[in-house]
Amino acid sequence: MTARIRDRSVVAAVFAFGLLAGMTAAFAGPITDSATQAEQDLGANKPADALAAFDAATDAFWLASPLQFRRILFADAVSGYGHYTPHQGTTFKAGDTPVIYFEPVGYGFGVSGDATHIAFSTGIEIRTPGGLILAKTGNLADLEWTGAAKTREFYGSLGVTLPALKPGSYQLILTLTDTVSSKTVTTTLPFDIGA
């Protein structure tokens, strides 16, 4: 005996649900697995296990993430991670040394004995909005940190002395290269030279 389905919308809904469930399973991985375990451990009143699973999820995300900036801006003063005074506006004078504050995400951790280290090289370009390169350095500064454990609260600050530019609009392009993982990120900070 053959059964007939009269309502095709039920078939479509069942098919869509099966497809969605398959897609969810296909996208699950170490980040999702560890985060799920953390939530289950918290629900089971196992806070230490939950923290370990959460750390594993964070490690998996950090490894999979491209190098990116959580925050990047011009600052007048920097005293630590998250401790900075933003520069008001984007206007400077020719010859000024604006400071760039940034918080990278997704960098690698090197291990040497009991020490963990983070290391970056930096490059800068100054361009016109049309793309004409006016100044360039492939290695402005090397930034390094060494400690006993991994930190995801690394920040950098770089002072860039502006060349003698005419009043107008420009772009400062910062390239950050993680020398541990070889990941790289480039971002553009528009700025103006006042009259």
N, C-alpha and C. Protein backbone atom coordinates (compact mmCIF):
# COMPACT_ATOMS: atom_id res chain seq x y z
N MET A 1 0.84 -1.17 0.00
CA MET A 1 0.00 0.00 0.00
C MET A 1 0.90 1.24 0.00
N THR A 2 0.59 2.20 -0.82
CA THR A 2 1.37 3.42 -0.95
C THR A 2 0.61 4.56 -0.29
N ALA A 3 1.33 5.31 0.53
CA ALA A 3 0.72 6.46 1.18
C ALA A 3 0.92 7.69 0.30
N ARG A 4 -0.08 8.51 0.25
CA ARG A 4 0.01 9.74 -0.52
C ARG A 4 0.05 10.93 0.42
N ILE A 5 0.90 11.89 0.10
CA ILE A 5 0.97 13.12 0.90
C ILE A 5 0.18 14.17 0.17
N ARG A 6 -0.85 14.67 0.84
CA ARG A 6 -1.71 15.65 0.21
C ARG A 6 -1.21 17.07 0.44
N ASP A 7 -0.55 17.32 1.56
CA ASP A 7 -0.11 18.68 1.86
C ASP A 7 1.38 18.79 1.60
N ARG A 8 1.74 19.37 0.45
CA ARG A 8 3.14 19.49 0.06
C ARG A 8 3.91 20.46 0.97
N SER A 9 3.22 21.36 1.66
CA SER A 9 3.91 22.28 2.55
C SER A 9 4.54 21.53 3.72
N VAL A 10 3.90 20.42 4.14
CA VAL A 10 4.48 19.61 5.21
C VAL A 10 5.78 18.99 4.73
N VAL A 11 5.80 18.49 3.49
CA VAL A 11 7.01 17.91 2.92
C VAL A 11 8.11 18.97 2.84
N ALA A 12 7.76 20.16 2.39
CA ALA A 12 8.74 21.24 2.28
C ALA A 12 9.28 21.62 3.65
N ALA A 13 8.41 21.68 4.65
CA ALA A 13 8.85 22.04 6.00
C ALA A 13 9.78 20.98 6.58
N VAL A 14 9.42 19.70 6.39
CA VAL A 14 10.26 18.61 6.89
C VAL A 14 11.60 18.63 6.17
N PHE A 15 11.60 18.84 4.86
CA PHE A 15 12.85 18.90 4.09
C PHE A 15 13.71 20.07 4.56
N ALA A 16 13.09 21.25 4.74
CA ALA A 16 13.83 22.43 5.18
C ALA A 16 14.42 22.21 6.56
N PHE A 17 13.65 21.58 7.47
CA PHE A 17 14.16 21.31 8.80
C PHE A 17 15.37 20.37 8.75
N GLY A 18 15.26 19.33 7.93
CA GLY A 18 16.37 18.39 7.78
C GLY A 18 17.60 19.06 7.20
N LEU A 19 17.39 19.93 6.21
CA LEU A 19 18.50 20.66 5.59
C LEU A 19 19.15 21.59 6.60
N LEU A 20 18.33 22.31 7.38
CA LEU A 20 18.86 23.22 8.39
C LEU A 20 19.63 22.46 9.46
N ALA A 21 19.09 21.33 9.91
CA ALA A 21 19.78 20.54 10.93
C ALA A 21 21.12 20.04 10.39
N GLY A 22 21.14 19.63 9.12
CA GLY A 22 22.40 19.17 8.51
C GLY A 22 23.40 20.30 8.40
N MET A 23 22.93 21.50 8.04
CA MET A 23 23.83 22.64 7.92
C MET A 23 24.40 23.02 9.27
N THR A 24 23.55 23.00 10.31
CA THR A 24 24.03 23.34 11.65
C THR A 24 25.12 22.37 12.08
N ALA A 25 24.90 21.09 11.82
CA ALA A 25 25.90 20.09 12.18
C ALA A 25 27.18 20.29 11.38
N ALA A 26 27.03 20.71 10.11
CA ALA A 26 28.22 20.91 9.27
C ALA A 26 29.05 22.08 9.77
N PHE A 27 28.42 23.10 10.35
CA PHE A 27 29.16 24.27 10.82
C PHE A 27 29.67 24.11 12.25
N ALA A 28 29.20 23.07 12.96
CA ALA A 28 29.68 22.86 14.32
C ALA A 28 31.15 22.46 14.26
N GLY A 29 31.88 22.89 15.25
CA GLY A 29 33.30 22.59 15.30
C GLY A 29 33.81 22.83 16.70
N PRO A 30 35.12 22.97 16.85
CA PRO A 30 35.69 23.10 18.18
C PRO A 30 35.18 24.31 18.96
N ILE A 31 34.88 25.41 18.28
CA ILE A 31 34.37 26.58 19.00
C ILE A 31 33.00 26.27 19.59
N THR A 32 32.10 25.77 18.74
CA THR A 32 30.74 25.45 19.17
C THR A 32 30.74 24.33 20.20
N ASP A 33 31.52 23.29 19.95
CA ASP A 33 31.56 22.15 20.88
C ASP A 33 32.01 22.58 22.27
N SER A 34 33.08 23.37 22.33
CA SER A 34 33.60 23.79 23.63
C SER A 34 32.66 24.77 24.33
N ALA A 35 32.04 25.67 23.56
CA ALA A 35 31.08 26.62 24.15
C ALA A 35 29.86 25.88 24.69
N THR A 36 29.38 24.88 23.95
CA THR A 36 28.25 24.08 24.40
C THR A 36 28.61 23.34 25.69
N GLN A 37 29.81 22.78 25.72
CA GLN A 37 30.26 22.07 26.92
C GLN A 37 30.34 23.02 28.11
N ALA A 38 30.82 24.23 27.88
CA ALA A 38 30.90 25.22 28.97
C ALA A 38 29.51 25.50 29.53
N GLU A 39 28.53 25.67 28.64
CA GLU A 39 27.17 25.95 29.10
C GLU A 39 26.60 24.76 29.87
N GLN A 40 26.85 23.55 29.39
CA GLN A 40 26.37 22.35 30.09
C GLN A 40 27.02 22.22 31.46
N ASP A 41 28.32 22.49 31.54
CA ASP A 41 29.03 22.39 32.81
C ASP A 41 28.53 23.44 33.81
N LEU A 42 28.22 24.64 33.32
CA LEU A 42 27.65 25.65 34.22
C LEU A 42 26.30 25.20 34.75
N GLY A 43 25.48 24.63 33.87
CA GLY A 43 24.16 24.14 34.28
C GLY A 43 24.25 22.99 35.26
N ALA A 44 25.34 22.22 35.19
CA ALA A 44 25.54 21.08 36.10
C ALA A 44 26.32 21.50 37.35
N ASN A 45 26.48 22.81 37.56
CA ASN A 45 27.19 23.35 38.73
C ASN A 45 28.63 22.85 38.80
N LYS A 46 29.30 22.88 37.64
CA LYS A 46 30.72 22.53 37.55
C LYS A 46 31.48 23.74 37.01
N PRO A 47 31.63 24.80 37.82
CA PRO A 47 32.21 26.04 37.30
C PRO A 47 33.65 25.90 36.81
N ALA A 48 34.47 25.09 37.46
CA ALA A 48 35.86 24.93 37.01
C ALA A 48 35.91 24.25 35.65
N ASP A 49 35.09 23.22 35.46
CA ASP A 49 35.03 22.55 34.16
C ASP A 49 34.48 23.49 33.09
N ALA A 50 33.47 24.30 33.47
CA ALA A 50 32.89 25.26 32.53
C ALA A 50 33.93 26.28 32.09
N LEU A 51 34.74 26.76 33.03
CA LEU A 51 35.78 27.72 32.68
C LEU A 51 36.81 27.11 31.75
N ALA A 52 37.20 25.87 31.99
CA ALA A 52 38.16 25.19 31.11
C ALA A 52 37.59 25.02 29.71
N ALA A 53 36.31 24.67 29.62
CA ALA A 53 35.67 24.51 28.30
C ALA A 53 35.54 25.86 27.60
N PHE A 54 35.21 26.91 28.36
CA PHE A 54 35.12 28.25 27.79
C PHE A 54 36.48 28.69 27.26
N ASP A 55 37.54 28.44 28.03
CA ASP A 55 38.90 28.77 27.56
C ASP A 55 39.23 28.02 26.28
N ALA A 56 38.80 26.76 26.17
CA ALA A 56 39.04 25.98 24.96
C ALA A 56 38.30 26.59 23.77
N ALA A 57 37.07 27.07 24.01
CA ALA A 57 36.31 27.74 22.93
C ALA A 57 37.01 29.02 22.50
N THR A 58 37.52 29.77 23.47
CA THR A 58 38.23 31.02 23.17
C THR A 58 39.50 30.72 22.38
N ASP A 59 40.25 29.70 22.80
CA ASP A 59 41.47 29.31 22.07
C ASP A 59 41.15 28.93 20.63
N ALA A 60 40.06 28.17 20.43
CA ALA A 60 39.68 27.75 19.09
C ALA A 60 39.28 28.94 18.23
N PHE A 61 38.53 29.90 18.81
CA PHE A 61 38.16 31.11 18.08
C PHE A 61 39.40 31.89 17.70
N TRP A 62 40.31 32.08 18.65
CA TRP A 62 41.51 32.89 18.44
C TRP A 62 42.34 32.30 17.31
N LEU A 63 42.45 30.97 17.27
CA LEU A 63 43.23 30.31 16.24
C LEU A 63 42.57 30.45 14.86
N ALA A 64 41.24 30.37 14.82
CA ALA A 64 40.52 30.44 13.55
C ALA A 64 40.35 31.86 13.03
N SER A 65 40.39 32.84 13.91
CA SER A 65 40.13 34.23 13.52
C SER A 65 41.27 34.79 12.66
N PRO A 66 40.93 35.62 11.69
CA PRO A 66 41.99 36.38 11.03
C PRO A 66 42.52 37.42 12.01
N LEU A 67 43.68 37.94 11.74
CA LEU A 67 44.18 39.04 12.56
C LEU A 67 43.29 40.24 12.26
N GLN A 68 42.76 40.87 13.30
CA GLN A 68 41.85 42.00 13.13
C GLN A 68 42.02 42.94 14.31
N PHE A 69 41.39 44.10 14.22
CA PHE A 69 41.46 45.07 15.31
C PHE A 69 40.13 45.13 16.03
N ARG A 70 40.17 44.97 17.34
CA ARG A 70 38.97 45.21 18.15
C ARG A 70 38.73 46.71 18.22
N ARG A 71 39.84 47.47 18.30
CA ARG A 71 39.77 48.92 18.38
C ARG A 71 41.04 49.50 17.79
N ILE A 72 40.90 50.56 17.02
CA ILE A 72 42.06 51.30 16.49
C ILE A 72 41.63 52.74 16.29
N LEU A 73 42.47 53.68 16.79
CA LEU A 73 42.09 55.09 16.72
C LEU A 73 43.32 55.96 17.02
N PHE A 74 43.18 57.25 16.71
CA PHE A 74 44.19 58.22 17.11
C PHE A 74 43.94 58.57 18.58
N ALA A 75 45.02 58.65 19.36
CA ALA A 75 44.90 58.94 20.79
C ALA A 75 45.88 60.04 21.18
N ASP A 76 45.49 60.83 22.17
CA ASP A 76 46.38 61.87 22.69
C ASP A 76 47.26 61.33 23.81
N ALA A 77 46.78 60.32 24.53
CA ALA A 77 47.55 59.71 25.62
C ALA A 77 47.16 58.25 25.74
N VAL A 78 48.16 57.39 26.04
CA VAL A 78 47.93 55.96 26.23
C VAL A 78 48.70 55.53 27.46
N SER A 79 48.00 54.85 28.39
CA SER A 79 48.68 54.39 29.60
C SER A 79 48.52 52.89 29.84
N GLY A 80 47.76 52.19 29.00
CA GLY A 80 47.59 50.76 29.17
C GLY A 80 46.46 50.25 28.30
N TYR A 81 46.18 48.96 28.40
CA TYR A 81 45.10 48.35 27.62
C TYR A 81 43.77 48.98 28.03
N GLY A 82 43.10 49.58 27.08
CA GLY A 82 41.82 50.23 27.35
C GLY A 82 41.93 51.56 28.07
N HIS A 83 43.15 52.00 28.33
CA HIS A 83 43.37 53.28 29.02
C HIS A 83 44.03 54.26 28.06
N TYR A 84 43.20 55.06 27.43
CA TYR A 84 43.69 56.02 26.44
C TYR A 84 42.73 57.20 26.38
N THR A 85 43.26 58.31 25.89
CA THR A 85 42.43 59.49 25.65
C THR A 85 42.32 59.66 24.14
N PRO A 86 41.12 59.46 23.59
CA PRO A 86 40.98 59.59 22.14
C PRO A 86 41.30 61.01 21.67
N HIS A 87 41.92 61.11 20.51
CA HIS A 87 42.15 62.42 19.90
C HIS A 87 40.81 62.94 19.38
N GLN A 88 40.51 64.17 19.66
CA GLN A 88 39.25 64.75 19.20
C GLN A 88 39.38 65.12 17.73
N GLY A 89 38.58 64.48 16.90
CA GLY A 89 38.63 64.72 15.47
C GLY A 89 39.79 63.98 14.82
N THR A 90 40.10 64.37 13.60
CA THR A 90 41.19 63.72 12.84
C THR A 90 42.13 64.75 12.24
N THR A 91 42.15 65.96 12.81
CA THR A 91 42.97 67.02 12.23
C THR A 91 44.28 67.17 13.00
N PHE A 92 45.37 67.27 12.23
CA PHE A 92 46.71 67.46 12.78
C PHE A 92 47.41 68.56 11.98
N LYS A 93 48.62 68.92 12.43
CA LYS A 93 49.46 69.86 11.69
C LYS A 93 50.60 69.09 11.05
N ALA A 94 51.12 69.60 9.95
CA ALA A 94 52.30 68.99 9.33
C ALA A 94 53.42 68.97 10.37
N GLY A 95 54.09 67.83 10.49
CA GLY A 95 55.16 67.68 11.47
C GLY A 95 54.70 67.16 12.81
N ASP A 96 53.37 67.11 13.07
CA ASP A 96 52.85 66.51 14.31
C ASP A 96 53.20 65.04 14.35
N THR A 97 53.12 64.46 15.55
CA THR A 97 53.33 63.02 15.72
C THR A 97 52.08 62.40 16.35
N PRO A 98 51.08 62.11 15.53
CA PRO A 98 49.88 61.47 16.08
C PRO A 98 50.22 60.07 16.59
N VAL A 99 49.51 59.67 17.63
CA VAL A 99 49.69 58.34 18.21
C VAL A 99 48.50 57.48 17.79
N ILE A 100 48.80 56.28 17.32
CA ILE A 100 47.77 55.30 16.96
C ILE A 100 47.69 54.29 18.10
N TYR A 101 46.51 54.13 18.67
CA TYR A 101 46.26 53.10 19.70
C TYR A 101 45.49 51.97 19.04
N PHE A 102 45.88 50.71 19.31
CA PHE A 102 45.15 49.59 18.71
C PHE A 102 45.16 48.37 19.61
N GLU A 103 44.10 47.57 19.47
CA GLU A 103 43.94 46.31 20.19
C GLU A 103 43.73 45.21 19.15
N PRO A 104 44.76 44.41 18.88
CA PRO A 104 44.60 43.34 17.89
C PRO A 104 43.92 42.11 18.48
N VAL A 105 43.31 41.32 17.61
CA VAL A 105 42.63 40.08 17.97
C VAL A 105 43.05 39.02 16.97
N GLY A 106 43.22 37.79 17.44
CA GLY A 106 43.51 36.67 16.55
C GLY A 106 44.98 36.41 16.31
N TYR A 107 45.85 37.01 17.12
CA TYR A 107 47.30 36.81 16.95
C TYR A 107 47.72 35.47 17.55
N GLY A 108 48.94 35.06 17.22
CA GLY A 108 49.48 33.80 17.72
C GLY A 108 50.28 33.99 18.99
N PHE A 109 50.52 32.87 19.65
CA PHE A 109 51.32 32.84 20.87
C PHE A 109 52.52 31.94 20.64
N GLY A 110 53.71 32.47 20.84
CA GLY A 110 54.91 31.67 20.78
C GLY A 110 55.26 31.19 22.18
N VAL A 111 55.87 30.03 22.28
CA VAL A 111 56.25 29.49 23.58
C VAL A 111 57.73 29.18 23.57
N SER A 112 58.41 29.64 24.61
CA SER A 112 59.83 29.37 24.78
C SER A 112 60.06 29.03 26.25
N GLY A 113 60.26 27.74 26.54
CA GLY A 113 60.37 27.32 27.93
C GLY A 113 59.06 27.56 28.65
N ASP A 114 59.10 28.31 29.75
CA ASP A 114 57.90 28.63 30.51
C ASP A 114 57.27 29.95 30.09
N ALA A 115 57.85 30.61 29.10
CA ALA A 115 57.38 31.93 28.69
C ALA A 115 56.54 31.87 27.42
N THR A 116 55.54 32.74 27.37
CA THR A 116 54.70 32.92 26.18
C THR A 116 55.01 34.29 25.62
N HIS A 117 55.10 34.39 24.29
CA HIS A 117 55.38 35.71 23.73
C HIS A 117 54.47 36.03 22.55
N ILE A 118 54.28 37.33 22.36
CA ILE A 118 53.50 37.91 21.27
C ILE A 118 54.44 38.87 20.56
N ALA A 119 54.42 38.88 19.23
CA ALA A 119 55.34 39.77 18.50
C ALA A 119 54.70 40.24 17.20
N PHE A 120 54.90 41.53 16.91
CA PHE A 120 54.38 42.14 15.70
C PHE A 120 55.44 43.01 15.04
N SER A 121 55.35 43.12 13.74
CA SER A 121 56.08 44.16 13.02
C SER A 121 55.02 45.08 12.40
N THR A 122 55.41 46.34 12.16
CA THR A 122 54.44 47.32 11.67
C THR A 122 54.99 48.06 10.46
N GLY A 123 54.10 48.41 9.57
CA GLY A 123 54.44 49.22 8.42
C GLY A 123 53.42 50.33 8.26
N ILE A 124 53.86 51.47 7.72
CA ILE A 124 52.99 52.64 7.58
C ILE A 124 53.13 53.20 6.17
N GLU A 125 52.00 53.64 5.63
CA GLU A 125 51.99 54.43 4.40
C GLU A 125 51.13 55.65 4.64
N ILE A 126 51.50 56.77 4.02
CA ILE A 126 50.64 57.95 4.00
C ILE A 126 50.31 58.20 2.54
N ARG A 127 49.01 58.29 2.26
CA ARG A 127 48.54 58.42 0.88
C ARG A 127 47.56 59.58 0.76
N THR A 128 47.40 60.01 -0.47
CA THR A 128 46.30 60.91 -0.80
C THR A 128 45.04 60.06 -0.91
N PRO A 129 43.86 60.65 -0.83
CA PRO A 129 42.63 59.87 -1.00
C PRO A 129 42.59 59.15 -2.35
N GLY A 130 43.30 59.66 -3.34
CA GLY A 130 43.36 59.02 -4.66
C GLY A 130 44.33 57.86 -4.73
N GLY A 131 45.10 57.61 -3.67
CA GLY A 131 45.99 56.46 -3.63
C GLY A 131 47.46 56.75 -3.88
N LEU A 132 47.83 58.01 -4.11
CA LEU A 132 49.23 58.36 -4.33
C LEU A 132 49.99 58.22 -3.01
N ILE A 133 51.05 57.39 -2.99
CA ILE A 133 51.83 57.17 -1.78
C ILE A 133 52.81 58.32 -1.60
N LEU A 134 52.71 59.01 -0.46
CA LEU A 134 53.57 60.16 -0.17
C LEU A 134 54.72 59.79 0.77
N ALA A 135 54.51 58.79 1.60
CA ALA A 135 55.54 58.34 2.54
C ALA A 135 55.28 56.88 2.86
N LYS A 136 56.36 56.13 3.11
CA LYS A 136 56.19 54.70 3.36
C LYS A 136 57.38 54.17 4.15
N THR A 137 57.10 53.30 5.13
CA THR A 137 58.16 52.56 5.80
C THR A 137 57.65 51.14 6.03
N GLY A 138 58.46 50.18 5.68
CA GLY A 138 58.07 48.78 5.81
C GLY A 138 58.18 48.26 7.22
N ASN A 139 58.96 48.91 8.07
CA ASN A 139 59.09 48.44 9.44
C ASN A 139 59.24 49.63 10.37
N LEU A 140 58.13 50.18 10.76
CA LEU A 140 58.15 51.34 11.65
C LEU A 140 58.64 50.95 13.04
N ALA A 141 58.12 49.84 13.56
CA ALA A 141 58.50 49.39 14.91
C ALA A 141 58.17 47.92 15.08
N ASP A 142 58.92 47.26 15.95
CA ASP A 142 58.60 45.90 16.38
C ASP A 142 57.99 45.99 17.77
N LEU A 143 56.88 45.30 17.98
CA LEU A 143 56.19 45.30 19.26
C LEU A 143 56.22 43.89 19.83
N GLU A 144 56.64 43.74 21.07
CA GLU A 144 56.74 42.42 21.68
C GLU A 144 56.24 42.43 23.11
N TRP A 145 55.75 41.27 23.55
CA TRP A 145 55.33 41.07 24.93
C TRP A 145 55.71 39.65 25.32
N THR A 146 56.20 39.47 26.54
CA THR A 146 56.52 38.15 27.07
C THR A 146 55.95 38.04 28.47
N GLY A 147 55.34 36.90 28.77
CA GLY A 147 54.77 36.68 30.10
C GLY A 147 54.65 35.20 30.39
N ALA A 148 54.13 34.88 31.56
CA ALA A 148 54.01 33.49 31.98
C ALA A 148 52.79 32.80 31.38
N ALA A 149 51.80 33.55 30.94
CA ALA A 149 50.57 32.97 30.40
C ALA A 149 50.09 33.79 29.20
N LYS A 150 49.21 33.19 28.41
CA LYS A 150 48.63 33.90 27.27
C LYS A 150 47.84 35.11 27.75
N THR A 151 47.91 36.18 27.00
CA THR A 151 47.03 37.33 27.26
C THR A 151 46.33 37.71 25.96
N ARG A 152 45.07 38.01 26.09
CA ARG A 152 44.30 38.48 24.94
C ARG A 152 44.00 39.96 25.10
N GLU A 153 44.73 40.61 25.96
CA GLU A 153 44.57 42.05 26.17
C GLU A 153 45.87 42.76 25.81
N PHE A 154 46.37 42.46 24.63
CA PHE A 154 47.57 43.13 24.12
C PHE A 154 47.13 44.41 23.43
N TYR A 155 47.88 45.47 23.64
CA TYR A 155 47.60 46.72 22.93
C TYR A 155 48.92 47.25 22.39
N GLY A 156 48.81 48.08 21.39
CA GLY A 156 49.98 48.75 20.86
C GLY A 156 49.70 50.23 20.70
N SER A 157 50.76 51.02 20.76
CA SER A 157 50.64 52.44 20.45
C SER A 157 51.88 52.85 19.67
N LEU A 158 51.65 53.54 18.59
CA LEU A 158 52.73 53.96 17.70
C LEU A 158 52.62 55.46 17.44
N GLY A 159 53.72 56.16 17.56
CA GLY A 159 53.77 57.56 17.18
C GLY A 159 54.30 57.66 15.75
N VAL A 160 53.60 58.38 14.91
CA VAL A 160 53.98 58.53 13.51
C VAL A 160 54.19 60.01 13.22
N THR A 161 55.43 60.40 12.96
CA THR A 161 55.71 61.80 12.64
C THR A 161 55.29 62.08 11.20
N LEU A 162 54.39 63.03 11.03
CA LEU A 162 53.87 63.35 9.71
C LEU A 162 54.88 64.19 8.93
N PRO A 163 55.04 63.91 7.65
CA PRO A 163 55.93 64.75 6.83
C PRO A 163 55.30 66.12 6.59
N ALA A 164 56.02 66.97 5.90
CA ALA A 164 55.51 68.31 5.56
C ALA A 164 54.44 68.15 4.49
N LEU A 165 53.20 68.10 4.92
CA LEU A 165 52.06 67.92 4.02
C LEU A 165 51.29 69.23 3.89
N LYS A 166 50.76 69.47 2.71
CA LYS A 166 49.90 70.64 2.50
C LYS A 166 48.56 70.41 3.19
N PRO A 167 47.85 71.47 3.54
CA PRO A 167 46.52 71.29 4.11
C PRO A 167 45.63 70.47 3.17
N GLY A 168 44.87 69.56 3.77
CA GLY A 168 44.00 68.71 2.98
C GLY A 168 43.74 67.39 3.68
N SER A 169 43.12 66.47 2.96
CA SER A 169 42.75 65.15 3.48
C SER A 169 43.76 64.11 3.03
N TYR A 170 44.06 63.17 3.94
CA TYR A 170 45.04 62.11 3.67
C TYR A 170 44.58 60.81 4.32
N GLN A 171 45.34 59.75 4.05
CA GLN A 171 45.08 58.45 4.66
C GLN A 171 46.37 57.92 5.26
N LEU A 172 46.28 57.40 6.48
CA LEU A 172 47.40 56.71 7.10
C LEU A 172 47.04 55.23 7.09
N ILE A 173 47.84 54.43 6.42
CA ILE A 173 47.58 53.00 6.30
C ILE A 173 48.56 52.26 7.21
N LEU A 174 48.01 51.53 8.18
CA LEU A 174 48.81 50.74 9.10
C LEU A 174 48.71 49.26 8.72
N THR A 175 49.86 48.61 8.55
CA THR A 175 49.90 47.17 8.34
C THR A 175 50.56 46.54 9.56
N LEU A 176 49.85 45.61 10.17
CA LEU A 176 50.34 44.89 11.33
C LEU A 176 50.55 43.44 10.95
N THR A 177 51.76 42.92 11.18
CA THR A 177 52.06 41.52 10.87
C THR A 177 52.44 40.79 12.15
N ASP A 178 51.73 39.71 12.41
CA ASP A 178 52.02 38.87 13.57
C ASP A 178 53.18 37.95 13.18
N THR A 179 54.32 38.12 13.81
CA THR A 179 55.49 37.34 13.43
C THR A 179 55.44 35.92 13.97
N VAL A 180 54.49 35.62 14.86
CA VAL A 180 54.33 34.25 15.36
C VAL A 180 53.48 33.43 14.39
N SER A 181 52.33 33.95 13.97
CA SER A 181 51.41 33.20 13.11
C SER A 181 51.50 33.57 11.64
N SER A 182 52.21 34.65 11.32
CA SER A 182 52.31 35.20 9.96
C SER A 182 51.01 35.80 9.45
N LYS A 183 50.01 35.97 10.32
CA LYS A 183 48.78 36.65 9.91
C LYS A 183 49.09 38.15 9.77
N THR A 184 48.32 38.81 8.92
CA THR A 184 48.52 40.25 8.72
C THR A 184 47.17 40.95 8.57
N VAL A 185 47.15 42.22 8.94
CA VAL A 185 45.95 43.03 8.77
C VAL A 185 46.39 44.44 8.38
N THR A 186 45.61 45.04 7.51
CA THR A 186 45.88 46.42 7.08
C THR A 186 44.61 47.23 7.28
N THR A 187 44.75 48.43 7.82
CA THR A 187 43.60 49.29 8.01
C THR A 187 43.97 50.72 7.62
N THR A 188 42.94 51.49 7.28
CA THR A 188 43.13 52.87 6.84
C THR A 188 42.53 53.82 7.86
N LEU A 189 43.34 54.80 8.28
CA LEU A 189 42.88 55.85 9.19
C LEU A 189 42.91 57.18 8.44
N PRO A 190 41.75 57.71 8.06
CA PRO A 190 41.72 59.01 7.40
C PRO A 190 42.12 60.12 8.38
N PHE A 191 42.84 61.13 7.88
CA PHE A 191 43.18 62.28 8.72
C PHE A 191 43.29 63.51 7.84
N ASP A 192 43.30 64.66 8.49
CA ASP A 192 43.40 65.95 7.77
C ASP A 192 44.57 66.76 8.30
N ILE A 193 45.16 67.53 7.42
CA ILE A 193 46.14 68.53 7.83
C ILE A 193 45.44 69.87 7.76
N GLY A 194 45.42 70.54 8.93
CA GLY A 194 44.73 71.83 9.00
C GLY A 194 45.53 72.94 8.34
N ALA A 195 44.84 74.01 8.04
CA ALA A 195 45.48 75.17 7.39
C ALA A 195 46.36 75.91 8.36
